[in-house]
Amino acid sequence: AQLLALLGEPGTPTSGTSSPGAAASAEGAP
């Protein structure tokens, strides 16, 4: 359950908006 919470449920995006040194966009990011 912990790993699934971090990785995301099946069918959701596997990554998100991210750039080095910056926070990922909360929208859509696991």
PDB file of all heavy atoms in Angstrom:
ATOM      1  N   ALA A   1       0.831  -1.209   0.000  1.00  0.00           N
ATOM      2  CA  ALA A   1       0.000   0.000   0.000  1.00  0.00           C
ATOM      3  C   ALA A   1       0.862   1.255   0.000  1.00  0.00           C
ATOM      4  O   ALA A   1       0.537   2.251  -0.664  1.00  0.00           O
ATOM      5  CB  ALA A   1      -0.922  -0.007   1.215  1.00  0.00           C
ATOM      6  N   GLN A   2       1.972   1.227   0.741  1.00  0.00           N
ATOM      7  CA  GLN A   2       2.866   2.391   0.766  1.00  0.00           C
ATOM      8  C   GLN A   2       3.506   2.626  -0.596  1.00  0.00           C
ATOM      9  O   GLN A   2       3.556   3.752  -1.090  1.00  0.00           O
ATOM     10  CB  GLN A   2       3.960   2.166   1.808  1.00  0.00           C
ATOM     11  CG  GLN A   2       3.454   2.005   3.230  1.00  0.00           C
ATOM     12  CD  GLN A   2       4.575   1.623   4.162  1.00  0.00           C
ATOM     13  OE1 GLN A   2       5.561   2.350   4.303  1.00  0.00           O
ATOM     14  NE2 GLN A   2       4.455   0.481   4.805  1.00  0.00           N
ATOM     15  N   LEU A   3       4.003   1.549  -1.199  1.00  0.00           N
ATOM     16  CA  LEU A   3       4.636   1.664  -2.512  1.00  0.00           C
ATOM     17  C   LEU A   3       3.644   2.127  -3.558  1.00  0.00           C
ATOM     18  O   LEU A   3       3.964   2.938  -4.432  1.00  0.00           O
ATOM     19  CB  LEU A   3       5.236   0.312  -2.903  1.00  0.00           C
ATOM     20  CG  LEU A   3       6.400  -0.162  -2.022  1.00  0.00           C
ATOM     21  CD1 LEU A   3       6.624  -1.663  -2.193  1.00  0.00           C
ATOM     22  CD2 LEU A   3       7.670   0.602  -2.342  1.00  0.00           C
ATOM     23  N   LEU A   4       2.420   1.631  -3.464  1.00  0.00           N
ATOM     24  CA  LEU A   4       1.387   2.015  -4.418  1.00  0.00           C
ATOM     25  C   LEU A   4       1.012   3.482  -4.251  1.00  0.00           C
ATOM     26  O   LEU A   4       0.778   4.194  -5.238  1.00  0.00           O
ATOM     27  CB  LEU A   4       0.164   1.121  -4.221  1.00  0.00           C
ATOM     28  CG  LEU A   4      -0.882   1.093  -5.332  1.00  0.00           C
ATOM     29  CD1 LEU A   4      -0.268   0.723  -6.669  1.00  0.00           C
ATOM     30  CD2 LEU A   4      -1.996   0.119  -4.969  1.00  0.00           C
ATOM     31  N   ALA A   5       0.982   3.964  -3.016  1.00  0.00           N
ATOM     32  CA  ALA A   5       0.687   5.385  -2.788  1.00  0.00           C
ATOM     33  C   ALA A   5       1.753   6.263  -3.423  1.00  0.00           C
ATOM     34  O   ALA A   5       1.451   7.332  -3.971  1.00  0.00           O
ATOM     35  CB  ALA A   5       0.586   5.669  -1.288  1.00  0.00           C
ATOM     36  N   LEU A   6       3.009   5.837  -3.351  1.00  0.00           N
ATOM     37  CA  LEU A   6       4.101   6.629  -3.922  1.00  0.00           C
ATOM     38  C   LEU A   6       4.127   6.544  -5.442  1.00  0.00           C
ATOM     39  O   LEU A   6       4.311   7.556  -6.129  1.00  0.00           O
ATOM     40  CB  LEU A   6       5.437   6.162  -3.349  1.00  0.00           C
ATOM     41  CG  LEU A   6       5.677   6.510  -1.875  1.00  0.00           C
ATOM     42  CD1 LEU A   6       6.848   5.709  -1.328  1.00  0.00           C
ATOM     43  CD2 LEU A   6       5.931   7.994  -1.700  1.00  0.00           C
ATOM     44  N   LEU A   7       3.945   5.341  -5.981  1.00  0.00           N
ATOM     45  CA  LEU A   7       4.030   5.147  -7.425  1.00  0.00           C
ATOM     46  C   LEU A   7       2.759   5.573  -8.154  1.00  0.00           C
ATOM     47  O   LEU A   7       2.814   5.962  -9.323  1.00  0.00           O
ATOM     48  CB  LEU A   7       4.324   3.676  -7.749  1.00  0.00           C
ATOM     49  CG  LEU A   7       5.708   3.168  -7.349  1.00  0.00           C
ATOM     50  CD1 LEU A   7       5.805   1.664  -7.605  1.00  0.00           C
ATOM     51  CD2 LEU A   7       6.801   3.898  -8.108  1.00  0.00           C
ATOM     52  N   GLY A   8       1.620   5.513  -7.477  1.00  0.00           N
ATOM     53  CA  GLY A   8       0.346   5.852  -8.092  1.00  0.00           C
ATOM     54  C   GLY A   8      -0.425   4.604  -8.473  1.00  0.00           C
ATOM     55  O   GLY A   8       0.143   3.545  -8.740  1.00  0.00           O
ATOM     56  N   GLU A   9      -1.733   4.714  -8.493  1.00  0.00           N
ATOM     57  CA  GLU A   9      -2.585   3.596  -8.864  1.00  0.00           C
ATOM     58  C   GLU A   9      -2.448   3.287 -10.362  1.00  0.00           C
ATOM     59  O   GLU A   9      -2.091   4.168 -11.153  1.00  0.00           O
ATOM     60  CB  GLU A   9      -4.048   3.919  -8.547  1.00  0.00           C
ATOM     61  CG  GLU A   9      -4.384   3.906  -7.072  1.00  0.00           C
ATOM     62  CD  GLU A   9      -4.533   2.505  -6.501  1.00  0.00           C
ATOM     63  OE1 GLU A   9      -4.568   1.534  -7.284  1.00  0.00           O
ATOM     64  OE2 GLU A   9      -4.596   2.383  -5.257  1.00  0.00           O
ATOM     65  N   PRO A  10      -2.714   2.041 -10.761  1.00  0.00           N
ATOM     66  CA  PRO A  10      -2.656   1.696 -12.189  1.00  0.00           C
ATOM     67  C   PRO A  10      -3.540   2.611 -13.022  1.00  0.00           C
ATOM     68  O   PRO A  10      -4.646   2.978 -12.621  1.00  0.00           O
ATOM     69  CB  PRO A  10      -3.176   0.253 -12.218  1.00  0.00           C
ATOM     70  CG  PRO A  10      -2.871  -0.283 -10.861  1.00  0.00           C
ATOM     71  CD  PRO A  10      -3.040   0.872  -9.922  1.00  0.00           C
ATOM     72  N   GLY A  11      -3.014   3.011 -14.166  1.00  0.00           N
ATOM     73  CA  GLY A  11      -3.779   3.855 -15.075  1.00  0.00           C
ATOM     74  C   GLY A  11      -3.558   5.340 -14.911  1.00  0.00           C
ATOM     75  O   GLY A  11      -4.029   6.127 -15.728  1.00  0.00           O
ATOM     76  N   THR A  12      -2.804   5.747 -13.864  1.00  0.00           N
ATOM     77  CA  THR A  12      -2.520   7.164 -13.668  1.00  0.00           C
ATOM     78  C   THR A  12      -1.170   7.498 -14.304  1.00  0.00           C
ATOM     79  O   THR A  12      -0.390   6.610 -14.618  1.00  0.00           O
ATOM     80  CB  THR A  12      -2.500   7.518 -12.172  1.00  0.00           C
ATOM     81  OG1 THR A  12      -1.515   6.702 -11.511  1.00  0.00           O
ATOM     82  CG2 THR A  12      -3.859   7.248 -11.541  1.00  0.00           C
ATOM     83  N   PRO A  13      -0.861   8.786 -14.511  1.00  0.00           N
ATOM     84  CA  PRO A  13       0.429   9.155 -15.122  1.00  0.00           C
ATOM     85  C   PRO A  13       1.598   8.590 -14.329  1.00  0.00           C
ATOM     86  O   PRO A  13       1.559   8.525 -13.093  1.00  0.00           O
ATOM     87  CB  PRO A  13       0.410  10.681 -15.093  1.00  0.00           C
ATOM     88  CG  PRO A  13      -1.046  11.038 -15.101  1.00  0.00           C
ATOM     89  CD  PRO A  13      -1.719   9.970 -14.297  1.00  0.00           C
ATOM     90  N   THR A  14       2.648   8.178 -15.029  1.00  0.00           N
ATOM     91  CA  THR A  14       3.814   7.603 -14.358  1.00  0.00           C
ATOM     92  C   THR A  14       4.843   8.644 -13.985  1.00  0.00           C
ATOM     93  O   THR A  14       5.772   8.368 -13.243  1.00  0.00           O
ATOM     94  CB  THR A  14       4.485   6.543 -15.257  1.00  0.00           C
ATOM     95  OG1 THR A  14       4.875   7.159 -16.493  1.00  0.00           O
ATOM     96  CG2 THR A  14       3.523   5.406 -15.539  1.00  0.00           C
ATOM     97  N   SER A  15       4.724   9.844 -14.505  1.00  0.00           N
ATOM     98  CA  SER A  15       5.617  10.936 -14.136  1.00  0.00           C
ATOM     99  C   SER A  15       4.815  12.220 -14.246  1.00  0.00           C
ATOM    100  O   SER A  15       3.605  12.202 -14.453  1.00  0.00           O
ATOM    101  CB  SER A  15       6.853  10.977 -15.035  1.00  0.00           C
ATOM    102  OG  SER A  15       6.491  11.137 -16.383  1.00  0.00           O
ATOM    103  N   GLY A  16       5.475  13.343 -14.089  1.00  0.00           N
ATOM    104  CA  GLY A  16       4.768  14.613 -14.131  1.00  0.00           C
ATOM    105  C   GLY A  16       5.685  15.722 -14.561  1.00  0.00           C
ATOM    106  O   GLY A  16       6.836  15.500 -14.916  1.00  0.00           O
ATOM    107  N   THR A  17       5.181  16.932 -14.520  1.00  0.00           N
ATOM    108  CA  THR A  17       5.981  18.082 -14.897  1.00  0.00           C
ATOM    109  C   THR A  17       7.070  18.281 -13.857  1.00  0.00           C
ATOM    110  O   THR A  17       6.808  18.443 -12.684  1.00  0.00           O
ATOM    111  CB  THR A  17       5.108  19.335 -14.978  1.00  0.00           C
ATOM    112  OG1 THR A  17       4.070  19.091 -15.917  1.00  0.00           O
ATOM    113  CG2 THR A  17       5.925  20.527 -15.417  1.00  0.00           C
ATOM    114  N   SER A  18       8.302  18.257 -14.302  1.00  0.00           N
ATOM    115  CA  SER A  18       9.429  18.415 -13.377  1.00  0.00           C
ATOM    116  C   SER A  18      10.594  19.047 -14.107  1.00  0.00           C
ATOM    117  O   SER A  18      10.774  18.866 -15.301  1.00  0.00           O
ATOM    118  CB  SER A  18       9.848  17.053 -12.814  1.00  0.00           C
ATOM    119  OG  SER A  18      10.976  17.177 -11.994  1.00  0.00           O
ATOM    120  N   SER A  19      11.386  19.799 -13.402  1.00  0.00           N
ATOM    121  CA  SER A  19      12.628  20.327 -13.940  1.00  0.00           C
ATOM    122  C   SER A  19      13.675  20.249 -12.847  1.00  0.00           C
ATOM    123  O   SER A  19      13.346  20.317 -11.665  1.00  0.00           O
ATOM    124  CB  SER A  19      12.461  21.774 -14.404  1.00  0.00           C
ATOM    125  OG  SER A  19      12.063  22.597 -13.333  1.00  0.00           O
ATOM    126  N   PRO A  20      14.940  20.032 -13.208  1.00  0.00           N
ATOM    127  CA  PRO A  20      15.980  19.901 -12.189  1.00  0.00           C
ATOM    128  C   PRO A  20      15.990  21.079 -11.214  1.00  0.00           C
ATOM    129  O   PRO A  20      15.982  22.227 -11.609  1.00  0.00           O
ATOM    130  CB  PRO A  20      17.267  19.843 -13.022  1.00  0.00           C
ATOM    131  CG  PRO A  20      16.825  19.305 -14.342  1.00  0.00           C
ATOM    132  CD  PRO A  20      15.449  19.896 -14.562  1.00  0.00           C
ATOM    133  N   GLY A  21      15.991  20.734  -9.915  1.00  0.00           N
ATOM    134  CA  GLY A  21      16.077  21.761  -8.889  1.00  0.00           C
ATOM    135  C   GLY A  21      14.776  22.477  -8.605  1.00  0.00           C
ATOM    136  O   GLY A  21      14.725  23.387  -7.800  1.00  0.00           O
ATOM    137  N   ALA A  22      13.686  22.067  -9.283  1.00  0.00           N
ATOM    138  CA  ALA A  22      12.408  22.734  -9.070  1.00  0.00           C
ATOM    139  C   ALA A  22      11.372  21.719  -8.652  1.00  0.00           C
ATOM    140  O   ALA A  22      11.453  20.542  -8.981  1.00  0.00           O
ATOM    141  CB  ALA A  22      11.962  23.454 -10.345  1.00  0.00           C
ATOM    142  N   ALA A  23      10.367  22.182  -7.926  1.00  0.00           N
ATOM    143  CA  ALA A  23       9.303  21.285  -7.482  1.00  0.00           C
ATOM    144  C   ALA A  23       8.452  20.860  -8.664  1.00  0.00           C
ATOM    145  O   ALA A  23       8.189  21.633  -9.573  1.00  0.00           O
ATOM    146  CB  ALA A  23       8.440  21.985  -6.429  1.00  0.00           C
ATOM    147  N   ALA A  24       8.015  19.600  -8.632  1.00  0.00           N
ATOM    148  CA  ALA A  24       7.139  19.106  -9.683  1.00  0.00           C
ATOM    149  C   ALA A  24       5.759  19.738  -9.523  1.00  0.00           C
ATOM    150  O   ALA A  24       5.320  20.086  -8.434  1.00  0.00           O
ATOM    151  CB  ALA A  24       7.039  17.588  -9.595  1.00  0.00           C
ATOM    152  N   SER A  25       5.083  19.885 -10.631  1.00  0.00           N
ATOM    153  CA  SER A  25       3.712  20.359 -10.599  1.00  0.00           C
ATOM    154  C   SER A  25       2.864  19.362  -9.838  1.00  0.00           C
ATOM    155  O   SER A  25       2.942  18.155 -10.058  1.00  0.00           O
ATOM    156  CB  SER A  25       3.186  20.520 -12.027  1.00  0.00           C
ATOM    157  OG  SER A  25       1.791  20.707 -12.017  1.00  0.00           O
ATOM    158  N   ALA A  26       2.062  19.833  -8.901  1.00  0.00           N
ATOM    159  CA  ALA A  26       1.198  18.946  -8.131  1.00  0.00           C
ATOM    160  C   ALA A  26       0.169  18.275  -9.025  1.00  0.00           C
ATOM    161  O   ALA A  26      -0.271  17.161  -8.755  1.00  0.00           O
ATOM    162  CB  ALA A  26       0.504  19.726  -7.014  1.00  0.00           C
ATOM    163  N   GLU A  27      -0.206  18.922 -10.102  1.00  0.00           N
ATOM    164  CA  GLU A  27      -1.238  18.386 -10.975  1.00  0.00           C
ATOM    165  C   GLU A  27      -0.675  17.256 -11.832  1.00  0.00           C
ATOM    166  O   GLU A  27       0.202  17.459 -12.661  1.00  0.00           O
ATOM    167  CB  GLU A  27      -1.794  19.487 -11.891  1.00  0.00           C
ATOM    168  CG  GLU A  27      -2.934  19.015 -12.778  1.00  0.00           C
ATOM    169  CD  GLU A  27      -3.503  20.125 -13.637  1.00  0.00           C
ATOM    170  OE1 GLU A  27      -3.065  21.281 -13.452  1.00  0.00           O
ATOM    171  OE2 GLU A  27      -4.362  19.837 -14.471  1.00  0.00           O
ATOM    172  N   GLY A  28      -1.167  16.051 -11.606  1.00  0.00           N
ATOM    173  CA  GLY A  28      -0.785  14.918 -12.425  1.00  0.00           C
ATOM    174  C   GLY A  28       0.495  14.221 -12.020  1.00  0.00           C
ATOM    175  O   GLY A  28       0.793  13.149 -12.535  1.00  0.00           O
ATOM    176  N   ALA A  29       1.281  14.777 -11.130  1.00  0.00           N
ATOM    177  CA  ALA A  29       2.548  14.155 -10.739  1.00  0.00           C
ATOM    178  C   ALA A  29       2.307  13.127  -9.642  1.00  0.00           C
ATOM    179  O   ALA A  29       1.587  13.394  -8.683  1.00  0.00           O
ATOM    180  CB  ALA A  29       3.534  15.206 -10.263  1.00  0.00           C
ATOM    181  N   PRO A  30       2.906  11.941  -9.747  1.00  0.00           N
ATOM    182  CA  PRO A  30       2.778  10.967  -8.662  1.00  0.00           C
ATOM    183  C   PRO A  30       3.488  11.446  -7.409  1.00  0.00           C
ATOM    184  O   PRO A  30       4.359  12.316  -7.462  1.00  0.00           O
ATOM    185  CB  PRO A  30       3.437   9.712  -9.237  1.00  0.00           C
ATOM    186  CG  PRO A  30       4.364  10.218 -10.289  1.00  0.00           C
ATOM    187  CD  PRO A  30       3.731  11.455 -10.853  1.00  0.00           C
TER     188      PRO A  30
END
